[in-house]
Amino acid sequence: MNKHPAAVAATALALALTLAACSGSGDSEDSTGESTAGTTVSHIHGLGLDLTDQRLYVATHEGVYTPGAKGEPELVGDSEDDFMGFTMADDKTFYASGHPTSGGNKGLIKSTDAGKTWKSLSLSGKSDFHALDFAHSTVYGYDSTNGLVRTTKDGISWKDGARLEALDIAVSPTDPGVILATTEDGVVRSGDGGKTFAPAQQPVMAFLSWSTKDALYGIDTSGGLNSSADGGITWKKISTVPGGRPQALTAVAPEHVLAATETGVFESKDGGTTFKKRLAVTSSGGH
């Protein structure tokens, strides 16, 4: 049954808050055990890694950040907008969405200089994509404003798919028609590019990331990292990411995983068995 877009957006937001809300405040510790104070990041929405120089990019409620010379969060460019959706097409090309500091919706925006500057592509004022993925030369998005899965090749014209109440999406790296989405009832699967989705399957995941055919990762609502070698049909729990509730997940490669929780960004290079803190943040309440 289709719901009114406003209701869908409200439900999706409630799901996001339930699954990935920040809580707590105060200084956090970095990987050396030293306190990291100063920059406050109220919520992390997306993660990316430049494969050339291994620079980490963190999309947050107050802009896109990267670790500075001393490992502290450093703003990329001068935008302090809320970057709700974020994905990297390559080392310098980013797509994002969210809210300007003045309010409203950003639609789809693009950067070709690693987040220093951004250009509006489409749907400005109309859509807020809470989840974005780039695969098969296509931007896949979950438009939370309208409760729609949508795709675009050129960033301007869109194909609308099914209505969902979702938090995150992941696209098969080998099949452009296979899309997974996280819902409050479990993971749903589409085999037709997002036009229709099969009923939800347990377990419930907050975020998903699919790097190669046999390397699909999901993080559950308590921070448990899971993997699937069969496209999400079966799951195996690997570990629990440190730092509390999950906020974002990106699989860079089959064994290389980035995960954000309440206290920072953690990195694993052994398929999620162990994690090291890559960026410490001071979380404040809010979304």
C-alpha atoms as a PDB file:
ATOM      1  CA  MET A   1       0.000   0.000   0.000  1.00  0.00           C
ATOM      2  CA  ASN A   2       1.371   3.384  -0.969  1.00  0.00           C
ATOM      3  CA  LYS A   3       1.516   6.035   1.704  1.00  0.00           C
ATOM      4  CA  HIS A   4       1.482   9.786   1.416  1.00  0.00           C
ATOM      5  CA  PRO A   5       5.008  11.044   0.640  1.00  0.00           C
ATOM      6  CA  ALA A   6       5.110  13.141   3.810  1.00  0.00           C
ATOM      7  CA  ALA A   7       4.228  10.099   5.882  1.00  0.00           C
ATOM      8  CA  VAL A   8       6.849   8.030   4.104  1.00  0.00           C
ATOM      9  CA  ALA A   9       9.475  10.683   4.732  1.00  0.00           C
ATOM     10  CA  ALA A  10       8.487  10.945   8.388  1.00  0.00           C
ATOM     11  CA  THR A  11       8.643   7.182   8.834  1.00  0.00           C
ATOM     12  CA  ALA A  12      11.997   6.970   7.086  1.00  0.00           C
ATOM     13  CA  LEU A  13      13.335   9.743   9.287  1.00  0.00           C
ATOM     14  CA  ALA A  14      12.021   8.007  12.387  1.00  0.00           C
ATOM     15  CA  LEU A  15      13.710   4.805  11.241  1.00  0.00           C
ATOM     16  CA  ALA A  16      16.950   6.692  10.679  1.00  0.00           C
ATOM     17  CA  LEU A  17      16.779   8.210  14.129  1.00  0.00           C
ATOM     18  CA  THR A  18      15.988   4.838  15.699  1.00  0.00           C
ATOM     19  CA  LEU A  19      18.728   2.963  13.928  1.00  0.00           C
ATOM     20  CA  ALA A  20      21.482   5.541  13.791  1.00  0.00           C
ATOM     21  CA  ALA A  21      20.859   8.438  16.135  1.00  0.00           C
ATOM     22  CA  CYS A  22      23.807  10.053  17.838  1.00  0.00           C
ATOM     23  CA  SER A  23      23.797  10.363  21.582  1.00  0.00           C
ATOM     24  CA  GLY A  24      26.254  11.413  24.214  1.00  0.00           C
ATOM     25  CA  SER A  25      28.798  14.195  24.226  1.00  0.00           C
ATOM     26  CA  GLY A  26      32.238  15.047  25.468  1.00  0.00           C
ATOM     27  CA  ASP A  27      35.733  14.211  24.291  1.00  0.00           C
ATOM     28  CA  SER A  28      36.435  10.899  22.609  1.00  0.00           C
ATOM     29  CA  GLU A  29      39.687   9.005  22.338  1.00  0.00           C
ATOM     30  CA  ASP A  30      41.681   8.415  19.180  1.00  0.00           C
ATOM     31  CA  SER A  31      43.560   5.226  18.312  1.00  0.00           C
ATOM     32  CA  THR A  32      46.453   6.273  20.546  1.00  0.00           C
ATOM     33  CA  GLY A  33      44.178   6.830  23.550  1.00  0.00           C
ATOM     34  CA  GLU A  34      44.607  10.605  23.497  1.00  0.00           C
ATOM     35  CA  SER A  35      41.619  12.911  23.899  1.00  0.00           C
ATOM     36  CA  THR A  36      40.416  14.638  20.743  1.00  0.00           C
ATOM     37  CA  ALA A  37      38.506  17.835  21.423  1.00  0.00           C
ATOM     38  CA  GLY A  38      37.417  20.776  19.322  1.00  0.00           C
ATOM     39  CA  THR A  39      35.444  19.891  16.228  1.00  0.00           C
ATOM     40  CA  THR A  40      31.946  18.633  16.953  1.00  0.00           C
ATOM     41  CA  VAL A  41      30.263  16.377  14.424  1.00  0.00           C
ATOM     42  CA  SER A  42      26.637  15.736  15.301  1.00  0.00           C
ATOM     43  CA  HIS A  43      26.034  12.955  12.818  1.00  0.00           C
ATOM     44  CA  ILE A  44      27.963  11.045  10.159  1.00  0.00           C
ATOM     45  CA  HIS A  45      25.968  10.213   7.034  1.00  0.00           C
ATOM     46  CA  GLY A  46      28.517   8.791   4.599  1.00  0.00           C
ATOM     47  CA  LEU A  47      32.082   7.569   4.143  1.00  0.00           C
ATOM     48  CA  GLY A  48      34.504   7.404   1.229  1.00  0.00           C
ATOM     49  CA  LEU A  49      38.163   6.675   0.620  1.00  0.00           C
ATOM     50  CA  ASP A  50      40.486   8.033  -2.068  1.00  0.00           C
ATOM     51  CA  LEU A  51      42.174   4.836  -3.252  1.00  0.00           C
ATOM     52  CA  THR A  52      45.181   6.758  -4.564  1.00  0.00           C
ATOM     53  CA  ASP A  53      46.281   8.462  -1.367  1.00  0.00           C
ATOM     54  CA  GLN A  54      44.013   6.668   1.147  1.00  0.00           C
ATOM     55  CA  ARG A  55      42.443   9.967   2.232  1.00  0.00           C
ATOM     56  CA  LEU A  56      39.270   9.469   4.200  1.00  0.00           C
ATOM     57  CA  TYR A  57      36.177  11.570   3.507  1.00  0.00           C
ATOM     58  CA  VAL A  58      33.377  11.806   6.058  1.00  0.00           C
ATOM     59  CA  ALA A  59      30.014  13.355   5.133  1.00  0.00           C
ATOM     60  CA  THR A  60      28.346  14.860   8.194  1.00  0.00           C
ATOM     61  CA  HIS A  61      25.580  17.103   9.483  1.00  0.00           C
ATOM     62  CA  GLU A  62      27.981  20.055   9.149  1.00  0.00           C
ATOM     63  CA  GLY A  63      29.865  19.400   5.909  1.00  0.00           C
ATOM     64  CA  VAL A  64      32.408  16.937   4.542  1.00  0.00           C
ATOM     65  CA  TYR A  65      35.469  16.335   6.711  1.00  0.00           C
ATOM     66  CA  THR A  66      38.829  14.642   6.318  1.00  0.00           C
ATOM     67  CA  PRO A  67      41.539  13.912   8.913  1.00  0.00           C
ATOM     68  CA  GLY A  68      43.931  16.835   9.322  1.00  0.00           C
ATOM     69  CA  ALA A  69      47.670  16.722   9.940  1.00  0.00           C
ATOM     70  CA  LYS A  70      47.143  15.656  13.555  1.00  0.00           C
ATOM     71  CA  GLY A  71      44.208  13.387  12.794  1.00  0.00           C
ATOM     72  CA  GLU A  72      41.543  15.882  13.819  1.00  0.00           C
ATOM     73  CA  PRO A  73      38.434  16.435  11.643  1.00  0.00           C
ATOM     74  CA  GLU A  74      39.160  19.135   9.054  1.00  0.00           C
ATOM     75  CA  LEU A  75      36.447  20.674   6.856  1.00  0.00           C
ATOM     76  CA  VAL A  76      36.817  20.074   3.115  1.00  0.00           C
ATOM     77  CA  GLY A  77      35.975  23.237   1.169  1.00  0.00           C
ATOM     78  CA  ASP A  78      33.755  25.801   2.853  1.00  0.00           C
ATOM     79  CA  SER A  79      30.313  24.149   2.808  1.00  0.00           C
ATOM     80  CA  GLU A  80      28.844  23.388   6.225  1.00  0.00           C
ATOM     81  CA  ASP A  81      25.581  22.075   4.789  1.00  0.00           C
ATOM     82  CA  ASP A  82      24.010  18.855   6.009  1.00  0.00           C
ATOM     83  CA  PHE A  83      25.242  16.093   3.674  1.00  0.00           C
ATOM     84  CA  MET A  84      22.576  13.424   4.193  1.00  0.00           C
ATOM     85  CA  GLY A  85      23.442  11.297   1.160  1.00  0.00           C
ATOM     86  CA  PHE A  86      27.013  10.798  -0.090  1.00  0.00           C
ATOM     87  CA  THR A  87      28.860   8.523  -2.518  1.00  0.00           C
ATOM     88  CA  MET A  88      32.134   8.579  -4.435  1.00  0.00           C
ATOM     89  CA  ALA A  89      32.173   7.788  -8.148  1.00  0.00           C
ATOM     90  CA  ASP A  90      35.983   7.959  -8.202  1.00  0.00           C
ATOM     91  CA  ASP A  91      38.776   9.580  -6.196  1.00  0.00           C
ATOM     92  CA  LYS A  92      37.738  13.123  -7.120  1.00  0.00           C
ATOM     93  CA  THR A  93      34.092  12.799  -8.198  1.00  0.00           C
ATOM     94  CA  PHE A  94      31.510  12.828  -5.420  1.00  0.00           C
ATOM     95  CA  TYR A  95      27.708  12.904  -5.453  1.00  0.00           C
ATOM     96  CA  ALA A  96      25.697  14.124  -2.487  1.00  0.00           C
ATOM     97  CA  SER A  97      22.378  15.417  -1.226  1.00  0.00           C
ATOM     98  CA  GLY A  98      20.948  16.918   1.938  1.00  0.00           C
ATOM     99  CA  HIS A  99      19.978  20.280   3.321  1.00  0.00           C
ATOM    100  CA  PRO A 100      21.505  23.757   2.989  1.00  0.00           C
ATOM    101  CA  THR A 101      22.244  25.524   6.263  1.00  0.00           C
ATOM    102  CA  SER A 102      19.441  27.923   5.316  1.00  0.00           C
ATOM    103  CA  GLY A 103      16.950  25.036   5.064  1.00  0.00           C
ATOM    104  CA  GLY A 104      15.248  23.194   2.211  1.00  0.00           C
ATOM    105  CA  ASN A 105      16.524  20.323   0.066  1.00  0.00           C
ATOM    106  CA  LYS A 106      19.663  20.229  -2.060  1.00  0.00           C
ATOM    107  CA  GLY A 107      18.496  17.610  -4.572  1.00  0.00           C
ATOM    108  CA  LEU A 108      21.477  15.974  -6.282  1.00  0.00           C
ATOM    109  CA  ILE A 109      24.789  17.825  -6.208  1.00  0.00           C
ATOM    110  CA  LYS A 110      28.196  16.891  -7.635  1.00  0.00           C
ATOM    111  CA  SER A 111      31.815  17.690  -6.920  1.00  0.00           C
ATOM    112  CA  THR A 112      34.675  17.015  -9.331  1.00  0.00           C
ATOM    113  CA  ASP A 113      37.416  18.336  -7.028  1.00  0.00           C
ATOM    114  CA  ALA A 114      37.085  15.950  -4.077  1.00  0.00           C
ATOM    115  CA  GLY A 115      34.463  17.936  -2.225  1.00  0.00           C
ATOM    116  CA  LYS A 116      36.048  21.389  -2.347  1.00  0.00           C
ATOM    117  CA  THR A 117      33.258  22.838  -4.486  1.00  0.00           C
ATOM    118  CA  TRP A 118      29.806  21.565  -5.437  1.00  0.00           C
ATOM    119  CA  LYS A 119      27.434  22.057  -8.365  1.00  0.00           C
ATOM    120  CA  SER A 120      23.669  21.517  -8.309  1.00  0.00           C
ATOM    121  CA  LEU A 121      22.560  18.939 -10.892  1.00  0.00           C
ATOM    122  CA  SER A 122      18.841  18.363 -10.366  1.00  0.00           C
ATOM    123  CA  LEU A 123      15.840  18.291  -8.024  1.00  0.00           C
ATOM    124  CA  SER A 124      17.046  21.284  -6.015  1.00  0.00           C
ATOM    125  CA  GLY A 125      14.406  22.163  -3.433  1.00  0.00           C
ATOM    126  CA  LYS A 126      12.423  19.034  -4.283  1.00  0.00           C
ATOM    127  CA  SER A 127      14.323  16.027  -3.010  1.00  0.00           C
ATOM    128  CA  ASP A 128      16.567  14.923  -0.186  1.00  0.00           C
ATOM    129  CA  PHE A 129      18.402  11.681  -0.889  1.00  0.00           C
ATOM    130  CA  HIS A 130      19.216   9.959   2.399  1.00  0.00           C
ATOM    131  CA  ALA A 131      21.118   7.228   0.561  1.00  0.00           C
ATOM    132  CA  LEU A 132      23.184   7.339  -2.628  1.00  0.00           C
ATOM    133  CA  ASP A 133      25.194   4.693  -4.431  1.00  0.00           C
ATOM    134  CA  PHE A 134      27.208   4.895  -7.652  1.00  0.00           C
ATOM    135  CA  ALA A 135      27.549   1.795  -9.815  1.00  0.00           C
ATOM    136  CA  HIS A 136      27.385   0.877 -13.501  1.00  0.00           C
ATOM    137  CA  SER A 137      27.847   4.553 -14.470  1.00  0.00           C
ATOM    138  CA  THR A 138      24.565   5.270 -12.671  1.00  0.00           C
ATOM    139  CA  VAL A 139      23.567   7.156  -9.544  1.00  0.00           C
ATOM    140  CA  TYR A 140      21.100   5.160  -7.436  1.00  0.00           C
ATOM    141  CA  GLY A 141      19.286   7.071  -4.727  1.00  0.00           C
ATOM    142  CA  TYR A 142      16.679   6.767  -2.029  1.00  0.00           C
ATOM    143  CA  ASP A 143      14.651   9.969  -2.156  1.00  0.00           C
ATOM    144  CA  SER A 144      13.345  10.229   1.405  1.00  0.00           C
ATOM    145  CA  THR A 145      11.255  13.306   0.610  1.00  0.00           C
ATOM    146  CA  ASN A 146       9.066  11.296  -1.736  1.00  0.00           C
ATOM    147  CA  GLY A 147       9.797   7.784  -0.462  1.00  0.00           C
ATOM    148  CA  LEU A 148      11.132   6.625  -3.824  1.00  0.00           C
ATOM    149  CA  VAL A 149      14.024   4.622  -5.173  1.00  0.00           C
ATOM    150  CA  ARG A 150      15.330   6.604  -8.158  1.00  0.00           C
ATOM    151  CA  THR A 151      18.136   6.262 -10.706  1.00  0.00           C
ATOM    152  CA  THR A 152      19.894   8.602 -13.119  1.00  0.00           C
ATOM    153  CA  LYS A 153      22.627   8.233 -15.731  1.00  0.00           C
ATOM    154  CA  ASP A 154      23.320  11.923 -16.305  1.00  0.00           C
ATOM    155  CA  GLY A 155      22.403  13.341 -12.905  1.00  0.00           C
ATOM    156  CA  ILE A 156      19.574  15.350 -14.444  1.00  0.00           C
ATOM    157  CA  SER A 157      16.823  13.045 -15.715  1.00  0.00           C
ATOM    158  CA  TRP A 158      15.530  10.415 -13.297  1.00  0.00           C
ATOM    159  CA  LYS A 159      13.723   7.093 -13.477  1.00  0.00           C
ATOM    160  CA  ASP A 160      11.363   6.525 -10.567  1.00  0.00           C
ATOM    161  CA  GLY A 161      11.120   3.115  -8.942  1.00  0.00           C
ATOM    162  CA  ALA A 162       9.153   1.664  -6.064  1.00  0.00           C
ATOM    163  CA  ARG A 163       7.916   3.476  -2.986  1.00  0.00           C
ATOM    164  CA  LEU A 164       9.706   2.339   0.162  1.00  0.00           C
ATOM    165  CA  GLU A 165      10.275   3.300   3.752  1.00  0.00           C
ATOM    166  CA  ALA A 166      14.024   2.710   3.801  1.00  0.00           C
ATOM    167  CA  LEU A 167      17.228   3.926   5.399  1.00  0.00           C
ATOM    168  CA  ASP A 168      19.981   2.703   3.065  1.00  0.00           C
ATOM    169  CA  ILE A 169      20.486   1.063  -0.332  1.00  0.00           C
ATOM    170  CA  ALA A 170      23.234  -1.013  -1.952  1.00  0.00           C
ATOM    171  CA  VAL A 171      23.633  -1.986  -5.601  1.00  0.00           C
ATOM    172  CA  SER A 172      25.076  -5.247  -6.879  1.00  0.00           C
ATOM    173  CA  PRO A 173      28.533  -4.605  -8.382  1.00  0.00           C
ATOM    174  CA  THR A 174      27.835  -7.187 -11.099  1.00  0.00           C
ATOM    175  CA  ASP A 175      24.122  -6.718 -11.896  1.00  0.00           C
ATOM    176  CA  PRO A 176      22.725  -3.185 -12.383  1.00  0.00           C
ATOM    177  CA  GLY A 177      19.202  -4.464 -11.771  1.00  0.00           C
ATOM    178  CA  VAL A 178      19.813  -5.797  -8.260  1.00  0.00           C
ATOM    179  CA  ILE A 179      19.261  -3.307  -5.446  1.00  0.00           C
ATOM    180  CA  LEU A 180      19.012  -4.009  -1.730  1.00  0.00           C
ATOM    181  CA  ALA A 181      17.422  -1.647   0.789  1.00  0.00           C
ATOM    182  CA  THR A 182      17.236  -1.666   4.585  1.00  0.00           C
ATOM    183  CA  THR A 183      13.810  -1.331   6.194  1.00  0.00           C
ATOM    184  CA  GLU A 184      12.438  -1.721   9.708  1.00  0.00           C
ATOM    185  CA  ASP A 185      11.296  -5.255   8.794  1.00  0.00           C
ATOM    186  CA  GLY A 186      14.545  -6.410   7.212  1.00  0.00           C
ATOM    187  CA  VAL A 187      16.399  -6.230   3.912  1.00  0.00           C
ATOM    188  CA  VAL A 188      14.331  -5.982   0.731  1.00  0.00           C
ATOM    189  CA  ARG A 189      15.591  -6.947  -2.710  1.00  0.00           C
ATOM    190  CA  SER A 190      14.842  -5.740  -6.228  1.00  0.00           C
ATOM    191  CA  GLY A 191      15.872  -7.562  -9.376  1.00  0.00           C
ATOM    192  CA  ASP A 192      14.465  -5.030 -11.825  1.00  0.00           C
ATOM    193  CA  GLY A 193      16.402  -1.883 -11.056  1.00  0.00           C
ATOM    194  CA  GLY A 194      14.189  -0.752  -8.202  1.00  0.00           C
ATOM    195  CA  LYS A 195      10.783  -0.986  -9.900  1.00  0.00           C
ATOM    196  CA  THR A 196       9.601  -3.652  -7.460  1.00  0.00           C
ATOM    197  CA  PHE A 197      10.933  -5.191  -4.252  1.00  0.00           C
ATOM    198  CA  ALA A 198      10.368  -8.605  -2.730  1.00  0.00           C
ATOM    199  CA  PRO A 199       9.134  -8.893   0.882  1.00  0.00           C
ATOM    200  CA  ALA A 200      11.653  -8.084   3.609  1.00  0.00           C
ATOM    201  CA  GLN A 201      13.986 -10.766   4.888  1.00  0.00           C
ATOM    202  CA  GLN A 202      15.625 -10.949   8.291  1.00  0.00           C
ATOM    203  CA  PRO A 203      17.924  -9.916   9.818  1.00  0.00           C
ATOM    204  CA  VAL A 204      17.259  -6.192  10.166  1.00  0.00           C
ATOM    205  CA  MET A 205      20.223  -4.145   8.972  1.00  0.00           C
ATOM    206  CA  ALA A 206      20.830  -0.429   9.333  1.00  0.00           C
ATOM    207  CA  PHE A 207      23.371   0.055   6.532  1.00  0.00           C
ATOM    208  CA  LEU A 208      24.696  -1.977   3.612  1.00  0.00           C
ATOM    209  CA  SER A 209      27.711  -1.796   1.297  1.00  0.00           C
ATOM    210  CA  TRP A 210      28.529  -4.086  -1.632  1.00  0.00           C
ATOM    211  CA  SER A 211      32.065  -3.895  -3.012  1.00  0.00           C
ATOM    212  CA  THR A 212      32.384  -7.096  -5.070  1.00  0.00           C
ATOM    213  CA  LYS A 213      30.084  -9.999  -5.952  1.00  0.00           C
ATOM    214  CA  ASP A 214      31.031 -12.069  -2.909  1.00  0.00           C
ATOM    215  CA  ALA A 215      31.610  -9.192  -0.482  1.00  0.00           C
ATOM    216  CA  LEU A 216      28.365  -7.675   0.757  1.00  0.00           C
ATOM    217  CA  TYR A 217      28.480  -6.143   4.220  1.00  0.00           C
ATOM    218  CA  GLY A 218      25.686  -5.089   6.540  1.00  0.00           C
ATOM    219  CA  ILE A 219      25.771  -3.454   9.944  1.00  0.00           C
ATOM    220  CA  ASP A 220      22.843  -4.124  12.246  1.00  0.00           C
ATOM    221  CA  THR A 221      21.167  -1.763  14.675  1.00  0.00           C
ATOM    222  CA  SER A 222      23.536  -2.609  17.537  1.00  0.00           C
ATOM    223  CA  GLY A 223      26.731  -2.243  15.494  1.00  0.00           C
ATOM    224  CA  GLY A 224      27.159  -5.889  14.595  1.00  0.00           C
ATOM    225  CA  LEU A 225      29.009  -6.290  11.287  1.00  0.00           C
ATOM    226  CA  ASN A 226      27.695  -9.043   9.045  1.00  0.00           C
ATOM    227  CA  SER A 227      28.778 -10.374   5.666  1.00  0.00           C
ATOM    228  CA  SER A 228      27.016 -12.217   2.866  1.00  0.00           C
ATOM    229  CA  ALA A 229      28.589 -14.151   0.014  1.00  0.00           C
ATOM    230  CA  ASP A 230      25.268 -14.793  -1.766  1.00  0.00           C
ATOM    231  CA  GLY A 231      23.861 -11.319  -2.259  1.00  0.00           C
ATOM    232  CA  GLY A 232      22.054 -11.042   1.049  1.00  0.00           C
ATOM    233  CA  ILE A 233      20.233 -14.384   1.085  1.00  0.00           C
ATOM    234  CA  THR A 234      22.239 -15.576   4.087  1.00  0.00           C
ATOM    235  CA  TRP A 235      24.327 -13.593   6.558  1.00  0.00           C
ATOM    236  CA  LYS A 236      27.198 -14.348   8.923  1.00  0.00           C
ATOM    237  CA  LYS A 237      28.103 -12.115  11.854  1.00  0.00           C
ATOM    238  CA  ILE A 238      31.781 -11.192  11.871  1.00  0.00           C
ATOM    239  CA  SER A 239      32.254  -8.796  14.766  1.00  0.00           C
ATOM    240  CA  THR A 240      30.858  -5.749  16.525  1.00  0.00           C
ATOM    241  CA  VAL A 241      32.179  -2.371  15.435  1.00  0.00           C
ATOM    242  CA  PRO A 242      33.361  -0.303  18.423  1.00  0.00           C
ATOM    243  CA  GLY A 243      31.674   2.903  19.477  1.00  0.00           C
ATOM    244  CA  GLY A 244      27.955   2.232  19.808  1.00  0.00           C
ATOM    245  CA  ARG A 245      25.159   2.742  17.299  1.00  0.00           C
ATOM    246  CA  PRO A 246      26.035   2.655  13.590  1.00  0.00           C
ATOM    247  CA  GLN A 247      25.931   5.746  11.400  1.00  0.00           C
ATOM    248  CA  ALA A 248      27.471   4.734   8.063  1.00  0.00           C
ATOM    249  CA  LEU A 249      29.159   1.823   6.298  1.00  0.00           C
ATOM    250  CA  THR A 250      31.375   1.601   3.211  1.00  0.00           C
ATOM    251  CA  ALA A 251      33.130  -1.483   1.856  1.00  0.00           C
ATOM    252  CA  VAL A 252      36.120  -0.179  -0.067  1.00  0.00           C
ATOM    253  CA  ALA A 253      37.289  -3.631  -1.158  1.00  0.00           C
ATOM    254  CA  PRO A 254      36.490  -7.256  -0.219  1.00  0.00           C
ATOM    255  CA  GLU A 255      38.553  -7.079   2.982  1.00  0.00           C
ATOM    256  CA  HIS A 256      38.603  -3.300   3.467  1.00  0.00           C
ATOM    257  CA  VAL A 257      35.682  -1.854   5.435  1.00  0.00           C
ATOM    258  CA  LEU A 258      34.933   1.576   6.906  1.00  0.00           C
ATOM    259  CA  ALA A 259      32.247   1.987   9.553  1.00  0.00           C
ATOM    260  CA  ALA A 260      31.100   5.035  11.499  1.00  0.00           C
ATOM    261  CA  THR A 261      29.604   4.835  14.965  1.00  0.00           C
ATOM    262  CA  GLU A 262      28.940   7.360  17.718  1.00  0.00           C
ATOM    263  CA  THR A 263      32.595   7.867  18.621  1.00  0.00           C
ATOM    264  CA  GLY A 264      34.224   7.962  15.213  1.00  0.00           C
ATOM    265  CA  VAL A 265      35.179   6.214  12.017  1.00  0.00           C
ATOM    266  CA  PHE A 266      36.697   2.750  12.252  1.00  0.00           C
ATOM    267  CA  GLU A 267      38.654   0.872   9.592  1.00  0.00           C
ATOM    268  CA  SER A 268      39.170  -2.843   9.047  1.00  0.00           C
ATOM    269  CA  LYS A 269      41.571  -4.376   6.554  1.00  0.00           C
ATOM    270  CA  ASP A 270      40.842  -7.979   7.493  1.00  0.00           C
ATOM    271  CA  GLY A 271      37.232  -8.267   6.447  1.00  0.00           C
ATOM    272  CA  GLY A 272      35.812  -6.798   9.635  1.00  0.00           C
ATOM    273  CA  THR A 273      37.527  -9.116  12.105  1.00  0.00           C
ATOM    274  CA  THR A 274      39.392  -6.257  13.767  1.00  0.00           C
ATOM    275  CA  PHE A 275      38.973  -2.462  13.617  1.00  0.00           C
ATOM    276  CA  LYS A 276      41.220   0.512  14.220  1.00  0.00           C
ATOM    277  CA  LYS A 277      39.906   4.008  14.834  1.00  0.00           C
ATOM    278  CA  ARG A 278      40.646   6.149  11.788  1.00  0.00           C
ATOM    279  CA  LEU A 279      38.978   9.380  12.889  1.00  0.00           C
ATOM    280  CA  ALA A 280      37.760  10.319  16.357  1.00  0.00           C
ATOM    281  CA  VAL A 281      34.792  12.638  16.662  1.00  0.00           C
ATOM    282  CA  THR A 282      32.947  14.354  19.456  1.00  0.00           C
ATOM    283  CA  SER A 283      29.308  13.510  18.968  1.00  0.00           C
ATOM    284  CA  SER A 284      26.452  15.731  20.034  1.00  0.00           C
ATOM    285  CA  GLY A 285      22.768  14.871  19.995  1.00  0.00           C
ATOM    286  CA  GLY A 286      20.694  15.602  16.927  1.00  0.00           C
ATOM    287  CA  HIS A 287      20.315  14.496  13.358  1.00  0.00           C
END
